[in-house]
Amino acid sequence: MDHARMEGRKVLIIGYGSPIRGDDAIGPLVADRLQAEGMPEGVEVISRHILTAELVADLVEHDRVVFLDAAVDGAPGEVRCRSLAPDASAMSTMAHFLDPRELLAWCETLYDKVPETFLVTACGSSFDYSNYVLTPTAEAAIEPMLDWVRRLIDPNECASRLSQPTDGAAMHGETGSPTMIL
């Protein structure tokens, strides 16, 4: 990774999910791994159980945001990366937890600024109470998720990957944005 390319750009990585719900812990676990390996200057990594309205102020201070989460809508272990856009229809009354598109809509509404945003997910298979214990399939998805994050903090690498899938496995997410599946 060419850390010089990050100079002047601010990237926020947010791993979220419940640490006591099996594979749902993958977002925070990947964030913890990233913090342990160290990130280049300008890249901040945080871990949350849920996404709250207070994050909006943090998001608008960054040029790019990467959310890390578990998913239930795919084959177990499947890793996906997709770009996100604000979704005003998802806006609630600032409930106790929000989804990433809703946070982006609040960024747009309150600050008239939306960072370039991506969601990297790994499809889980067990969300039972288990305190940071992943299934072997989810455990195997950690390295591909880390690989996506490393690509996403390099703007040139990211743009080329999303515009030209290498394995022909691109599909469209719920917002019609490009999705890459590993």
N, C-alpha and C. Protein backbone atom coordinates (compact mmCIF):
# COMPACT_ATOMS: atom_id res chain seq x y z
N MET A 1 0.85 -1.17 0.00
CA MET A 1 0.00 0.00 0.00
C MET A 1 0.89 1.23 0.00
N ASP A 2 0.61 2.19 -0.84
CA ASP A 2 1.38 3.43 -0.92
C ASP A 2 0.78 4.45 0.03
N HIS A 3 1.38 4.58 1.20
CA HIS A 3 0.84 5.48 2.21
C HIS A 3 0.95 6.94 1.79
N ALA A 4 1.85 7.25 0.88
CA ALA A 4 1.99 8.63 0.42
C ALA A 4 0.71 9.12 -0.25
N ARG A 5 -0.02 8.23 -0.89
CA ARG A 5 -1.26 8.62 -1.57
C ARG A 5 -2.33 9.10 -0.59
N MET A 6 -2.21 8.70 0.67
CA MET A 6 -3.20 9.08 1.67
C MET A 6 -2.93 10.47 2.22
N GLU A 7 -1.78 11.04 1.94
CA GLU A 7 -1.42 12.33 2.49
C GLU A 7 -2.50 13.36 2.20
N GLY A 8 -2.98 14.01 3.25
CA GLY A 8 -3.99 15.04 3.09
C GLY A 8 -5.42 14.52 3.08
N ARG A 9 -5.61 13.22 2.92
CA ARG A 9 -6.96 12.63 2.93
C ARG A 9 -7.23 12.02 4.30
N LYS A 10 -8.45 12.15 4.74
CA LYS A 10 -8.83 11.56 6.01
C LYS A 10 -9.84 10.44 5.76
N VAL A 11 -9.52 9.28 6.32
CA VAL A 11 -10.36 8.10 6.15
C VAL A 11 -10.80 7.62 7.53
N LEU A 12 -12.08 7.31 7.66
CA LEU A 12 -12.64 6.77 8.89
C LEU A 12 -13.15 5.36 8.61
N ILE A 13 -12.70 4.41 9.41
CA ILE A 13 -13.14 3.03 9.30
C ILE A 13 -13.93 2.70 10.56
N ILE A 14 -15.16 2.23 10.38
CA ILE A 14 -16.03 1.94 11.52
C ILE A 14 -16.48 0.48 11.45
N GLY A 15 -15.99 -0.32 12.38
CA GLY A 15 -16.45 -1.69 12.51
C GLY A 15 -17.59 -1.73 13.51
N TYR A 16 -18.72 -2.29 13.12
CA TYR A 16 -19.84 -2.32 14.06
C TYR A 16 -20.55 -3.68 14.05
N GLY A 17 -21.15 -3.99 15.19
CA GLY A 17 -21.87 -5.24 15.37
C GLY A 17 -21.82 -5.64 16.83
N SER A 18 -22.64 -6.58 17.18
CA SER A 18 -22.73 -7.02 18.57
C SER A 18 -21.65 -8.05 18.89
N PRO A 19 -20.83 -7.77 19.88
CA PRO A 19 -19.76 -8.70 20.23
C PRO A 19 -20.27 -9.99 20.90
N ILE A 20 -21.54 -10.02 21.25
CA ILE A 20 -22.06 -11.22 21.91
C ILE A 20 -23.03 -12.00 21.03
N ARG A 21 -23.06 -11.68 19.72
CA ARG A 21 -23.99 -12.35 18.81
C ARG A 21 -23.26 -13.10 17.70
N GLY A 22 -22.28 -13.91 18.06
CA GLY A 22 -21.60 -14.77 17.09
C GLY A 22 -20.99 -14.00 15.94
N ASP A 23 -21.38 -14.34 14.71
CA ASP A 23 -20.79 -13.73 13.52
C ASP A 23 -21.05 -12.23 13.40
N ASP A 24 -22.00 -11.70 14.15
CA ASP A 24 -22.26 -10.26 14.13
C ASP A 24 -21.07 -9.48 14.67
N ALA A 25 -20.16 -10.14 15.36
CA ALA A 25 -18.98 -9.48 15.93
C ALA A 25 -17.89 -9.23 14.89
N ILE A 26 -18.07 -9.67 13.65
CA ILE A 26 -16.98 -9.57 12.68
C ILE A 26 -16.56 -8.13 12.39
N GLY A 27 -17.49 -7.19 12.33
CA GLY A 27 -17.13 -5.79 12.08
C GLY A 27 -16.17 -5.24 13.12
N PRO A 28 -16.53 -5.32 14.42
CA PRO A 28 -15.60 -4.85 15.45
C PRO A 28 -14.29 -5.64 15.49
N LEU A 29 -14.35 -6.94 15.23
CA LEU A 29 -13.12 -7.74 15.25
C LEU A 29 -12.16 -7.32 14.14
N VAL A 30 -12.69 -7.06 12.95
CA VAL A 30 -11.84 -6.59 11.85
C VAL A 30 -11.27 -5.21 12.18
N ALA A 31 -12.08 -4.34 12.77
CA ALA A 31 -11.59 -3.01 13.18
C ALA A 31 -10.46 -3.15 14.20
N ASP A 32 -10.62 -4.06 15.16
CA ASP A 32 -9.57 -4.28 16.15
C ASP A 32 -8.28 -4.77 15.50
N ARG A 33 -8.40 -5.65 14.52
CA ARG A 33 -7.20 -6.14 13.80
C ARG A 33 -6.50 -5.00 13.07
N LEU A 34 -7.29 -4.13 12.45
CA LEU A 34 -6.71 -2.98 11.74
C LEU A 34 -5.98 -2.07 12.71
N GLN A 35 -6.57 -1.80 13.86
CA GLN A 35 -5.90 -0.96 14.86
C GLN A 35 -4.60 -1.59 15.31
N ALA A 36 -4.60 -2.91 15.49
CA ALA A 36 -3.41 -3.61 15.96
C ALA A 36 -2.28 -3.56 14.93
N GLU A 37 -2.62 -3.62 13.64
CA GLU A 37 -1.57 -3.60 12.62
C GLU A 37 -1.10 -2.19 12.30
N GLY A 38 -1.86 -1.20 12.74
CA GLY A 38 -1.46 0.19 12.50
C GLY A 38 -1.90 0.68 11.13
N MET A 39 -2.37 1.89 11.10
CA MET A 39 -2.85 2.50 9.86
C MET A 39 -1.99 3.71 9.54
N PRO A 40 -1.95 4.09 8.26
CA PRO A 40 -1.19 5.28 7.89
C PRO A 40 -1.81 6.54 8.49
N GLU A 41 -1.03 7.60 8.50
CA GLU A 41 -1.52 8.88 8.99
C GLU A 41 -2.77 9.28 8.22
N GLY A 42 -3.75 9.80 8.92
CA GLY A 42 -5.00 10.23 8.29
C GLY A 42 -6.07 9.16 8.27
N VAL A 43 -5.74 7.95 8.75
CA VAL A 43 -6.72 6.87 8.79
C VAL A 43 -7.05 6.58 10.25
N GLU A 44 -8.33 6.72 10.59
CA GLU A 44 -8.80 6.47 11.95
C GLU A 44 -9.70 5.24 11.94
N VAL A 45 -9.55 4.39 12.93
CA VAL A 45 -10.35 3.17 13.04
C VAL A 45 -11.08 3.18 14.37
N ILE A 46 -12.40 2.97 14.32
CA ILE A 46 -13.17 2.88 15.55
C ILE A 46 -14.07 1.65 15.51
N SER A 47 -14.48 1.21 16.66
CA SER A 47 -15.32 0.04 16.80
C SER A 47 -16.55 0.42 17.61
N ARG A 48 -17.73 0.00 17.16
CA ARG A 48 -18.98 0.33 17.84
C ARG A 48 -19.89 -0.90 17.87
N HIS A 49 -20.72 -0.97 18.88
CA HIS A 49 -21.74 -2.02 18.94
C HIS A 49 -22.87 -1.69 17.98
N ILE A 50 -23.24 -0.40 17.95
CA ILE A 50 -24.30 0.08 17.06
C ILE A 50 -23.89 1.43 16.49
N LEU A 51 -24.53 1.83 15.40
CA LEU A 51 -24.28 3.14 14.81
C LEU A 51 -25.27 4.13 15.41
N THR A 52 -24.74 5.22 15.95
CA THR A 52 -25.59 6.22 16.60
C THR A 52 -25.43 7.57 15.92
N ALA A 53 -26.36 8.45 16.18
CA ALA A 53 -26.40 9.78 15.56
C ALA A 53 -25.13 10.58 15.82
N GLU A 54 -24.48 10.34 16.94
CA GLU A 54 -23.26 11.09 17.27
C GLU A 54 -22.16 10.88 16.24
N LEU A 55 -22.21 9.81 15.48
CA LEU A 55 -21.19 9.54 14.47
C LEU A 55 -21.27 10.51 13.29
N VAL A 56 -22.39 11.16 13.08
CA VAL A 56 -22.55 12.06 11.94
C VAL A 56 -21.46 13.13 11.94
N ALA A 57 -21.18 13.72 13.09
CA ALA A 57 -20.15 14.76 13.17
C ALA A 57 -18.77 14.20 12.82
N ASP A 58 -18.51 12.94 13.16
CA ASP A 58 -17.23 12.32 12.79
C ASP A 58 -17.16 12.05 11.30
N LEU A 59 -18.25 11.58 10.72
CA LEU A 59 -18.26 11.24 9.30
C LEU A 59 -17.91 12.45 8.43
N VAL A 60 -18.50 13.60 8.72
CA VAL A 60 -18.29 14.77 7.85
C VAL A 60 -16.88 15.34 7.97
N GLU A 61 -16.11 14.90 8.93
CA GLU A 61 -14.72 15.34 9.08
C GLU A 61 -13.77 14.50 8.24
N HIS A 62 -14.30 13.53 7.50
CA HIS A 62 -13.46 12.62 6.72
C HIS A 62 -13.84 12.67 5.24
N ASP A 63 -12.87 12.35 4.39
CA ASP A 63 -13.09 12.31 2.94
C ASP A 63 -13.71 10.98 2.50
N ARG A 64 -13.36 9.92 3.22
CA ARG A 64 -13.85 8.58 2.89
C ARG A 64 -14.19 7.86 4.18
N VAL A 65 -15.28 7.11 4.15
CA VAL A 65 -15.70 6.31 5.31
C VAL A 65 -15.90 4.87 4.83
N VAL A 66 -15.42 3.93 5.63
CA VAL A 66 -15.60 2.51 5.35
C VAL A 66 -16.28 1.87 6.55
N PHE A 67 -17.47 1.32 6.33
CA PHE A 67 -18.19 0.60 7.38
C PHE A 67 -17.89 -0.89 7.24
N LEU A 68 -17.72 -1.58 8.35
CA LEU A 68 -17.47 -3.02 8.39
C LEU A 68 -18.59 -3.68 9.18
N ASP A 69 -19.25 -4.67 8.59
CA ASP A 69 -20.39 -5.27 9.27
C ASP A 69 -20.59 -6.72 8.82
N ALA A 70 -21.41 -7.43 9.57
CA ALA A 70 -21.86 -8.76 9.17
C ALA A 70 -23.11 -8.61 8.31
N ALA A 71 -23.37 -9.60 7.49
CA ALA A 71 -24.58 -9.59 6.65
C ALA A 71 -25.28 -10.94 6.79
N VAL A 72 -26.54 -10.95 6.44
CA VAL A 72 -27.32 -12.19 6.48
C VAL A 72 -27.88 -12.56 5.11
N ASP A 73 -27.62 -11.73 4.11
CA ASP A 73 -28.25 -11.89 2.79
C ASP A 73 -27.33 -12.48 1.73
N GLY A 74 -26.62 -13.53 2.08
CA GLY A 74 -25.74 -14.15 1.10
C GLY A 74 -25.24 -15.49 1.62
N ALA A 75 -24.36 -16.08 0.85
CA ALA A 75 -23.77 -17.35 1.27
C ALA A 75 -22.82 -17.11 2.43
N PRO A 76 -22.84 -17.94 3.45
CA PRO A 76 -21.94 -17.76 4.58
C PRO A 76 -20.48 -17.64 4.13
N GLY A 77 -19.81 -16.62 4.64
CA GLY A 77 -18.42 -16.37 4.30
C GLY A 77 -18.21 -15.45 3.12
N GLU A 78 -19.27 -15.17 2.36
CA GLU A 78 -19.16 -14.29 1.20
C GLU A 78 -18.84 -12.87 1.66
N VAL A 79 -17.81 -12.27 1.07
CA VAL A 79 -17.40 -10.91 1.42
C VAL A 79 -17.79 -9.98 0.28
N ARG A 80 -18.44 -8.88 0.64
CA ARG A 80 -18.91 -7.91 -0.36
C ARG A 80 -18.40 -6.52 -0.02
N CYS A 81 -18.20 -5.73 -1.05
CA CYS A 81 -17.87 -4.32 -0.88
C CYS A 81 -18.76 -3.54 -1.83
N ARG A 82 -19.43 -2.54 -1.29
CA ARG A 82 -20.26 -1.71 -2.17
C ARG A 82 -20.19 -0.26 -1.71
N SER A 83 -20.38 0.63 -2.67
CA SER A 83 -20.42 2.05 -2.33
C SER A 83 -21.82 2.37 -1.80
N LEU A 84 -21.88 3.35 -0.91
CA LEU A 84 -23.15 3.75 -0.32
C LEU A 84 -23.44 5.20 -0.62
N ALA A 85 -24.72 5.51 -0.69
CA ALA A 85 -25.18 6.88 -0.88
C ALA A 85 -26.22 7.18 0.20
N PRO A 86 -26.44 8.45 0.48
CA PRO A 86 -27.47 8.79 1.47
C PRO A 86 -28.83 8.27 1.04
N ASP A 87 -29.63 7.87 2.01
CA ASP A 87 -30.98 7.40 1.74
C ASP A 87 -31.93 8.13 2.67
N ALA A 88 -32.49 9.22 2.17
CA ALA A 88 -33.39 10.04 2.99
C ALA A 88 -34.63 9.27 3.42
N SER A 89 -35.04 8.28 2.63
CA SER A 89 -36.22 7.50 3.01
C SER A 89 -35.96 6.64 4.24
N ALA A 90 -34.69 6.41 4.55
CA ALA A 90 -34.34 5.60 5.72
C ALA A 90 -34.22 6.45 6.98
N MET A 91 -34.30 7.78 6.83
CA MET A 91 -34.10 8.66 7.99
C MET A 91 -35.20 8.47 9.02
N SER A 92 -34.76 8.27 10.25
CA SER A 92 -35.70 8.14 11.36
C SER A 92 -35.61 9.40 12.21
N THR A 93 -36.14 9.33 13.36
CA THR A 93 -36.09 10.48 14.27
C THR A 93 -34.88 10.37 15.19
N MET A 94 -33.75 9.98 14.62
CA MET A 94 -32.51 9.82 15.38
C MET A 94 -32.69 8.81 16.50
N ALA A 95 -33.12 7.62 16.14
CA ALA A 95 -33.33 6.55 17.10
C ALA A 95 -32.01 6.13 17.74
N HIS A 96 -32.06 5.12 18.57
CA HIS A 96 -30.86 4.67 19.28
C HIS A 96 -29.84 4.01 18.36
N PHE A 97 -30.25 3.54 17.21
CA PHE A 97 -29.30 2.99 16.25
C PHE A 97 -29.77 3.32 14.84
N LEU A 98 -28.79 3.49 13.95
CA LEU A 98 -29.06 3.91 12.57
C LEU A 98 -28.32 2.99 11.62
N ASP A 99 -28.69 3.03 10.34
CA ASP A 99 -27.92 2.29 9.36
C ASP A 99 -27.01 3.27 8.63
N PRO A 100 -25.94 2.79 7.97
CA PRO A 100 -24.98 3.71 7.35
C PRO A 100 -25.60 4.71 6.38
N ARG A 101 -26.57 4.27 5.56
CA ARG A 101 -27.18 5.19 4.59
C ARG A 101 -27.96 6.29 5.29
N GLU A 102 -28.53 5.95 6.42
CA GLU A 102 -29.25 6.94 7.21
C GLU A 102 -28.28 7.96 7.81
N LEU A 103 -27.14 7.48 8.30
CA LEU A 103 -26.12 8.41 8.80
C LEU A 103 -25.68 9.38 7.70
N LEU A 104 -25.51 8.84 6.48
CA LEU A 104 -25.11 9.69 5.35
C LEU A 104 -26.19 10.71 5.02
N ALA A 105 -27.44 10.31 5.12
CA ALA A 105 -28.54 11.26 4.87
C ALA A 105 -28.52 12.38 5.90
N TRP A 106 -28.21 12.05 7.15
CA TRP A 106 -28.10 13.09 8.18
C TRP A 106 -26.89 13.98 7.92
N CYS A 107 -25.80 13.43 7.40
CA CYS A 107 -24.63 14.25 7.02
C CYS A 107 -25.05 15.29 5.98
N GLU A 108 -25.78 14.82 4.98
CA GLU A 108 -26.22 15.70 3.90
C GLU A 108 -27.19 16.76 4.43
N THR A 109 -28.12 16.36 5.26
CA THR A 109 -29.13 17.28 5.79
C THR A 109 -28.53 18.31 6.73
N LEU A 110 -27.69 17.87 7.64
CA LEU A 110 -27.17 18.76 8.68
C LEU A 110 -25.93 19.55 8.26
N TYR A 111 -25.08 18.95 7.41
CA TYR A 111 -23.80 19.57 7.07
C TYR A 111 -23.62 19.85 5.59
N ASP A 112 -24.55 19.39 4.75
CA ASP A 112 -24.44 19.54 3.30
C ASP A 112 -23.12 18.95 2.79
N LYS A 113 -22.69 17.86 3.41
CA LYS A 113 -21.46 17.19 3.01
C LYS A 113 -21.64 15.69 3.24
N VAL A 114 -21.23 14.91 2.24
CA VAL A 114 -21.30 13.46 2.36
C VAL A 114 -19.95 12.88 1.93
N PRO A 115 -19.28 12.18 2.83
CA PRO A 115 -18.01 11.57 2.43
C PRO A 115 -18.25 10.39 1.48
N GLU A 116 -17.26 10.11 0.66
CA GLU A 116 -17.32 8.91 -0.17
C GLU A 116 -17.37 7.72 0.80
N THR A 117 -18.34 6.83 0.61
CA THR A 117 -18.59 5.81 1.64
C THR A 117 -18.73 4.42 1.03
N PHE A 118 -18.18 3.44 1.75
CA PHE A 118 -18.24 2.05 1.34
C PHE A 118 -18.67 1.18 2.51
N LEU A 119 -19.31 0.08 2.19
CA LEU A 119 -19.70 -0.91 3.18
C LEU A 119 -19.06 -2.24 2.80
N VAL A 120 -18.26 -2.79 3.70
CA VAL A 120 -17.64 -4.10 3.50
C VAL A 120 -18.31 -5.05 4.47
N THR A 121 -18.90 -6.11 3.93
CA THR A 121 -19.61 -7.07 4.77
C THR A 121 -19.12 -8.49 4.53
N ALA A 122 -19.30 -9.31 5.55
CA ALA A 122 -19.09 -10.75 5.43
C ALA A 122 -20.38 -11.41 5.87
N CYS A 123 -20.89 -12.32 5.06
CA CYS A 123 -22.13 -13.00 5.39
C CYS A 123 -21.87 -14.03 6.49
N GLY A 124 -22.64 -13.91 7.55
CA GLY A 124 -22.50 -14.82 8.68
C GLY A 124 -23.50 -15.95 8.59
N SER A 125 -23.32 -16.92 9.49
CA SER A 125 -24.26 -18.05 9.53
C SER A 125 -24.82 -18.30 10.92
N SER A 126 -24.22 -17.72 11.94
CA SER A 126 -24.73 -17.91 13.30
C SER A 126 -24.67 -16.59 14.05
N PHE A 127 -25.82 -16.19 14.56
CA PHE A 127 -25.90 -14.94 15.31
C PHE A 127 -26.39 -15.21 16.73
N ASP A 128 -26.08 -16.41 17.21
CA ASP A 128 -26.43 -16.79 18.58
C ASP A 128 -25.52 -16.07 19.56
N TYR A 129 -25.93 -16.03 20.81
CA TYR A 129 -25.10 -15.41 21.85
C TYR A 129 -23.87 -16.27 22.09
N SER A 130 -22.66 -15.66 21.90
CA SER A 130 -21.44 -16.46 22.03
C SER A 130 -20.20 -15.66 22.40
N ASN A 131 -20.31 -14.37 22.64
CA ASN A 131 -19.21 -13.54 23.11
C ASN A 131 -17.93 -13.62 22.26
N TYR A 132 -17.92 -12.93 21.14
CA TYR A 132 -16.77 -12.81 20.25
C TYR A 132 -16.29 -14.14 19.68
N VAL A 133 -17.18 -15.09 19.52
CA VAL A 133 -16.79 -16.36 18.92
C VAL A 133 -17.44 -16.44 17.54
N LEU A 134 -16.59 -16.45 16.51
CA LEU A 134 -17.08 -16.53 15.13
C LEU A 134 -17.14 -17.97 14.67
N THR A 135 -18.01 -18.25 13.72
CA THR A 135 -18.00 -19.55 13.07
C THR A 135 -16.73 -19.64 12.23
N PRO A 136 -16.28 -20.85 11.90
CA PRO A 136 -15.09 -20.97 11.05
C PRO A 136 -15.24 -20.25 9.71
N THR A 137 -16.45 -20.24 9.15
CA THR A 137 -16.69 -19.56 7.88
C THR A 137 -16.49 -18.05 8.02
N ALA A 138 -17.02 -17.47 9.08
CA ALA A 138 -16.83 -16.03 9.31
C ALA A 138 -15.37 -15.73 9.62
N GLU A 139 -14.74 -16.59 10.39
CA GLU A 139 -13.32 -16.41 10.71
C GLU A 139 -12.49 -16.35 9.42
N ALA A 140 -12.82 -17.20 8.45
CA ALA A 140 -12.11 -17.21 7.17
C ALA A 140 -12.36 -15.95 6.36
N ALA A 141 -13.44 -15.22 6.66
CA ALA A 141 -13.76 -13.99 5.92
C ALA A 141 -13.00 -12.78 6.44
N ILE A 142 -12.34 -12.89 7.58
CA ILE A 142 -11.62 -11.75 8.15
C ILE A 142 -10.53 -11.25 7.20
N GLU A 143 -9.72 -12.14 6.68
CA GLU A 143 -8.61 -11.71 5.82
C GLU A 143 -9.11 -11.04 4.54
N PRO A 144 -10.13 -11.57 3.85
CA PRO A 144 -10.66 -10.85 2.68
C PRO A 144 -11.24 -9.48 3.04
N MET A 145 -11.86 -9.36 4.22
CA MET A 145 -12.36 -8.05 4.64
C MET A 145 -11.20 -7.08 4.86
N LEU A 146 -10.14 -7.56 5.50
CA LEU A 146 -8.95 -6.72 5.71
C LEU A 146 -8.37 -6.29 4.37
N ASP A 147 -8.36 -7.20 3.40
CA ASP A 147 -7.84 -6.87 2.07
C ASP A 147 -8.66 -5.76 1.43
N TRP A 148 -10.00 -5.83 1.55
CA TRP A 148 -10.84 -4.76 1.00
C TRP A 148 -10.54 -3.42 1.65
N VAL A 149 -10.38 -3.42 2.97
CA VAL A 149 -10.10 -2.15 3.66
C VAL A 149 -8.77 -1.59 3.19
N ARG A 150 -7.77 -2.43 3.07
CA ARG A 150 -6.47 -1.95 2.58
C ARG A 150 -6.60 -1.32 1.20
N ARG A 151 -7.41 -1.92 0.35
CA ARG A 151 -7.65 -1.35 -0.99
C ARG A 151 -8.40 -0.02 -0.89
N LEU A 152 -9.35 0.04 0.00
CA LEU A 152 -10.19 1.23 0.11
C LEU A 152 -9.46 2.44 0.69
N ILE A 153 -8.39 2.22 1.41
CA ILE A 153 -7.66 3.38 1.91
C ILE A 153 -6.65 3.88 0.88
N ASP A 154 -6.56 3.18 -0.24
CA ASP A 154 -5.77 3.63 -1.38
C ASP A 154 -6.75 4.05 -2.46
N PRO A 155 -7.00 5.37 -2.62
CA PRO A 155 -8.05 5.83 -3.54
C PRO A 155 -7.89 5.35 -4.98
N ASN A 156 -6.68 5.27 -5.49
CA ASN A 156 -6.49 4.83 -6.87
C ASN A 156 -6.84 3.36 -7.04
N GLU A 157 -6.44 2.55 -6.09
CA GLU A 157 -6.75 1.13 -6.12
C GLU A 157 -8.25 0.91 -6.06
N CYS A 158 -8.91 1.62 -5.18
CA CYS A 158 -10.35 1.45 -4.97
C CYS A 158 -11.14 1.79 -6.23
N ALA A 159 -10.85 2.90 -6.83
CA ALA A 159 -11.61 3.32 -8.01
C ALA A 159 -11.51 2.29 -9.12
N SER A 160 -10.32 1.74 -9.34
CA SER A 160 -10.17 0.77 -10.42
C SER A 160 -10.87 -0.54 -10.09
N ARG A 161 -10.88 -0.96 -8.83
CA ARG A 161 -11.53 -2.21 -8.45
C ARG A 161 -13.04 -2.14 -8.60
N LEU A 162 -13.64 -1.03 -8.21
CA LEU A 162 -15.10 -0.94 -8.28
C LEU A 162 -15.59 -0.71 -9.70
N SER A 163 -14.78 -0.06 -10.54
CA SER A 163 -15.25 0.21 -11.89
C SER A 163 -15.04 -0.98 -12.82
N GLN A 164 -14.07 -1.85 -12.50
CA GLN A 164 -13.80 -2.99 -13.37
C GLN A 164 -13.59 -4.25 -12.54
N PRO A 165 -14.66 -4.99 -12.28
CA PRO A 165 -14.51 -6.21 -11.49
C PRO A 165 -13.60 -7.20 -12.21
N THR A 166 -12.75 -7.86 -11.44
CA THR A 166 -11.81 -8.79 -12.05
C THR A 166 -12.39 -10.18 -12.23
N ASP A 167 -13.41 -10.53 -11.45
CA ASP A 167 -13.93 -11.89 -11.55
C ASP A 167 -15.32 -11.98 -12.16
N GLY A 168 -15.83 -10.86 -12.65
CA GLY A 168 -17.15 -10.86 -13.26
C GLY A 168 -18.28 -11.04 -12.28
N ALA A 169 -18.00 -10.86 -10.99
CA ALA A 169 -19.01 -11.13 -9.97
C ALA A 169 -19.69 -9.87 -9.46
N ALA A 170 -19.65 -8.80 -10.23
CA ALA A 170 -20.31 -7.57 -9.76
C ALA A 170 -21.82 -7.74 -9.81
N MET A 171 -22.47 -7.11 -8.86
CA MET A 171 -23.92 -7.09 -8.86
C MET A 171 -24.35 -5.76 -8.28
N HIS A 172 -25.62 -5.50 -8.25
CA HIS A 172 -26.08 -4.23 -7.71
C HIS A 172 -26.69 -4.43 -6.34
N GLY A 173 -26.29 -3.54 -5.43
CA GLY A 173 -26.83 -3.56 -4.07
C GLY A 173 -28.19 -2.91 -4.04
N GLU A 174 -28.72 -2.76 -2.85
CA GLU A 174 -30.07 -2.23 -2.70
C GLU A 174 -30.19 -0.79 -3.16
N THR A 175 -29.08 -0.04 -3.22
CA THR A 175 -29.16 1.34 -3.67
C THR A 175 -28.77 1.47 -5.13
N GLY A 176 -28.54 0.34 -5.81
CA GLY A 176 -28.14 0.39 -7.20
C GLY A 176 -26.67 0.70 -7.39
N SER A 177 -25.90 0.69 -6.31
CA SER A 177 -24.49 0.99 -6.39
C SER A 177 -23.70 -0.27 -6.69
N PRO A 178 -22.52 -0.12 -7.30
CA PRO A 178 -21.73 -1.30 -7.64
C PRO A 178 -21.36 -2.09 -6.39
N THR A 179 -21.41 -3.39 -6.51
CA THR A 179 -21.02 -4.28 -5.42
C THR A 179 -20.01 -5.27 -5.96
N MET A 180 -18.96 -5.50 -5.22
CA MET A 180 -17.97 -6.51 -5.58
C MET A 180 -18.08 -7.64 -4.58
N ILE A 181 -18.04 -8.86 -5.05
CA ILE A 181 -18.10 -10.02 -4.18
C ILE A 181 -16.80 -10.78 -4.34
N LEU A 182 -16.21 -11.13 -3.22
CA LEU A 182 -14.99 -11.95 -3.25
C LEU A 182 -15.36 -13.40 -3.04
